[in-house]
């Protein structure tokens, strides 16, 4: 994920009070932590994510899923170069 996408995504999470973003002594870095609200939403979402992953693995099969992940990784690398 590129820097601007990460910054934009974190700002959206901050606006919804899911994360807290703090400065650090190094101006290039920020400290990002989950808020209680963010943690609660993550705990609700995690089982849904696991279920979705199980369905995908079941439908694609482990070998095919690995190929899909590898292909997506390659596409991401190409996109980062352009």
C-alpha atoms as a PDB file:
ATOM      1  CA  UNK A   1       0.000   0.000   0.000  1.00  0.00           C
ATOM      2  CA  UNK A   2       1.467   3.345  -0.958  1.00  0.00           C
ATOM      3  CA  UNK A   3       1.887   6.169   1.517  1.00  0.00           C
ATOM      4  CA  UNK A   4      -0.997   8.360   0.316  1.00  0.00           C
ATOM      5  CA  UNK A   5      -3.445   5.443   0.333  1.00  0.00           C
ATOM      6  CA  UNK A   6      -2.333   4.492   3.839  1.00  0.00           C
ATOM      7  CA  UNK A   7      -2.647   8.080   5.081  1.00  0.00           C
ATOM      8  CA  UNK A   8      -6.124   8.465   3.574  1.00  0.00           C
ATOM      9  CA  UNK A   9      -7.292   5.119   4.977  1.00  0.00           C
ATOM     10  CA  UNK A  10      -5.979   5.909   8.450  1.00  0.00           C
ATOM     11  CA  UNK A  11      -7.649   9.334   8.410  1.00  0.00           C
ATOM     12  CA  UNK A  12     -10.998   7.686   7.605  1.00  0.00           C
ATOM     13  CA  UNK A  13     -10.516   5.271  10.501  1.00  0.00           C
ATOM     14  CA  UNK A  14      -9.579   8.184  12.770  1.00  0.00           C
ATOM     15  CA  UNK A  15     -12.695  10.150  11.765  1.00  0.00           C
ATOM     16  CA  UNK A  16     -14.817   7.158  12.804  1.00  0.00           C
ATOM     17  CA  UNK A  17     -12.926   6.925  16.122  1.00  0.00           C
ATOM     18  CA  UNK A  18     -11.534   3.464  15.269  1.00  0.00           C
ATOM     19  CA  UNK A  19      -7.886   4.508  15.633  1.00  0.00           C
ATOM     20  CA  UNK A  20      -5.850   7.174  17.392  1.00  0.00           C
ATOM     21  CA  UNK A  21      -2.894   8.705  15.531  1.00  0.00           C
ATOM     22  CA  UNK A  22      -0.129  10.315  17.558  1.00  0.00           C
ATOM     23  CA  UNK A  23       3.136  12.004  16.669  1.00  0.00           C
ATOM     24  CA  UNK A  24       6.451  10.411  17.536  1.00  0.00           C
ATOM     25  CA  UNK A  25       9.866  11.886  18.216  1.00  0.00           C
ATOM     26  CA  UNK A  26      10.755  11.013  14.611  1.00  0.00           C
ATOM     27  CA  UNK A  27       8.705  13.336  12.363  1.00  0.00           C
ATOM     28  CA  UNK A  28       8.593  10.656   9.655  1.00  0.00           C
ATOM     29  CA  UNK A  29       6.690   8.264  11.925  1.00  0.00           C
ATOM     30  CA  UNK A  30       3.243   8.197  13.530  1.00  0.00           C
ATOM     31  CA  UNK A  31       1.967   5.941  16.294  1.00  0.00           C
ATOM     32  CA  UNK A  32      -1.371   4.353  15.396  1.00  0.00           C
ATOM     33  CA  UNK A  33      -3.394   2.508  18.022  1.00  0.00           C
ATOM     34  CA  UNK A  34      -6.867   1.000  18.060  1.00  0.00           C
ATOM     35  CA  UNK A  35      -9.446   2.763  20.192  1.00  0.00           C
ATOM     36  CA  UNK A  36     -11.919   0.771  22.289  1.00  0.00           C
ATOM     37  CA  UNK A  37     -14.504   1.353  19.552  1.00  0.00           C
ATOM     38  CA  UNK A  38     -12.059   0.137  16.893  1.00  0.00           C
ATOM     39  CA  UNK A  39     -11.197  -2.945  18.940  1.00  0.00           C
ATOM     40  CA  UNK A  40     -14.903  -3.768  19.406  1.00  0.00           C
ATOM     41  CA  UNK A  41     -15.538  -3.490  15.661  1.00  0.00           C
ATOM     42  CA  UNK A  42     -12.486  -5.612  14.902  1.00  0.00           C
ATOM     43  CA  UNK A  43     -13.729  -8.349  17.234  1.00  0.00           C
ATOM     44  CA  UNK A  44     -17.092  -8.324  15.426  1.00  0.00           C
ATOM     45  CA  UNK A  45     -15.509  -8.323  11.968  1.00  0.00           C
ATOM     46  CA  UNK A  46     -12.829 -10.958  12.540  1.00  0.00           C
ATOM     47  CA  UNK A  47     -15.165 -13.994  12.594  1.00  0.00           C
ATOM     48  CA  UNK A  48     -16.819 -12.720   9.392  1.00  0.00           C
ATOM     49  CA  UNK A  49     -13.388 -12.390   7.765  1.00  0.00           C
ATOM     50  CA  UNK A  50     -12.464 -15.915   8.840  1.00  0.00           C
ATOM     51  CA  UNK A  51     -15.727 -17.254   7.407  1.00  0.00           C
ATOM     52  CA  UNK A  52     -15.117 -15.462   4.097  1.00  0.00           C
ATOM     53  CA  UNK A  53     -11.599 -16.879   3.938  1.00  0.00           C
ATOM     54  CA  UNK A  54     -12.918 -20.399   4.612  1.00  0.00           C
ATOM     55  CA  UNK A  55     -15.491 -20.085   1.828  1.00  0.00           C
ATOM     56  CA  UNK A  56     -12.845 -18.868  -0.617  1.00  0.00           C
ATOM     57  CA  UNK A  57     -10.464 -21.688   0.335  1.00  0.00           C
ATOM     58  CA  UNK A  58     -13.288 -24.214  -0.032  1.00  0.00           C
ATOM     59  CA  UNK A  59     -14.341 -22.901  -3.458  1.00  0.00           C
ATOM     60  CA  UNK A  60     -10.856 -22.355  -4.912  1.00  0.00           C
ATOM     61  CA  UNK A  61      -8.921 -25.073  -3.151  1.00  0.00           C
ATOM     62  CA  UNK A  62      -5.658 -24.338  -1.335  1.00  0.00           C
ATOM     63  CA  UNK A  63      -3.442 -24.701  -4.403  1.00  0.00           C
ATOM     64  CA  UNK A  64      -5.594 -22.461  -6.565  1.00  0.00           C
ATOM     65  CA  UNK A  65      -5.898 -19.883  -3.791  1.00  0.00           C
ATOM     66  CA  UNK A  66      -2.111 -19.758  -3.469  1.00  0.00           C
ATOM     67  CA  UNK A  67      -1.886 -19.094  -7.213  1.00  0.00           C
ATOM     68  CA  UNK A  68      -4.489 -16.314  -6.955  1.00  0.00           C
ATOM     69  CA  UNK A  69      -2.596 -14.703  -4.056  1.00  0.00           C
ATOM     70  CA  UNK A  70       0.685 -14.945  -5.945  1.00  0.00           C
ATOM     71  CA  UNK A  71      -0.905 -13.385  -9.026  1.00  0.00           C
ATOM     72  CA  UNK A  72      -2.399 -10.545  -7.009  1.00  0.00           C
ATOM     73  CA  UNK A  73       0.978  -9.948  -5.385  1.00  0.00           C
ATOM     74  CA  UNK A  74       2.597  -9.708  -8.813  1.00  0.00           C
ATOM     75  CA  UNK A  75      -0.085  -7.265  -9.998  1.00  0.00           C
ATOM     76  CA  UNK A  76       0.547  -5.124  -6.909  1.00  0.00           C
ATOM     77  CA  UNK A  77       4.291  -5.057  -7.631  1.00  0.00           C
ATOM     78  CA  UNK A  78       3.654  -3.987 -11.216  1.00  0.00           C
ATOM     79  CA  UNK A  79       1.270  -1.241 -10.052  1.00  0.00           C
ATOM     80  CA  UNK A  80       3.865   0.046  -7.570  1.00  0.00           C
ATOM     81  CA  UNK A  81       6.419   0.404 -10.383  1.00  0.00           C
ATOM     82  CA  UNK A  82       4.140   2.558 -12.506  1.00  0.00           C
END
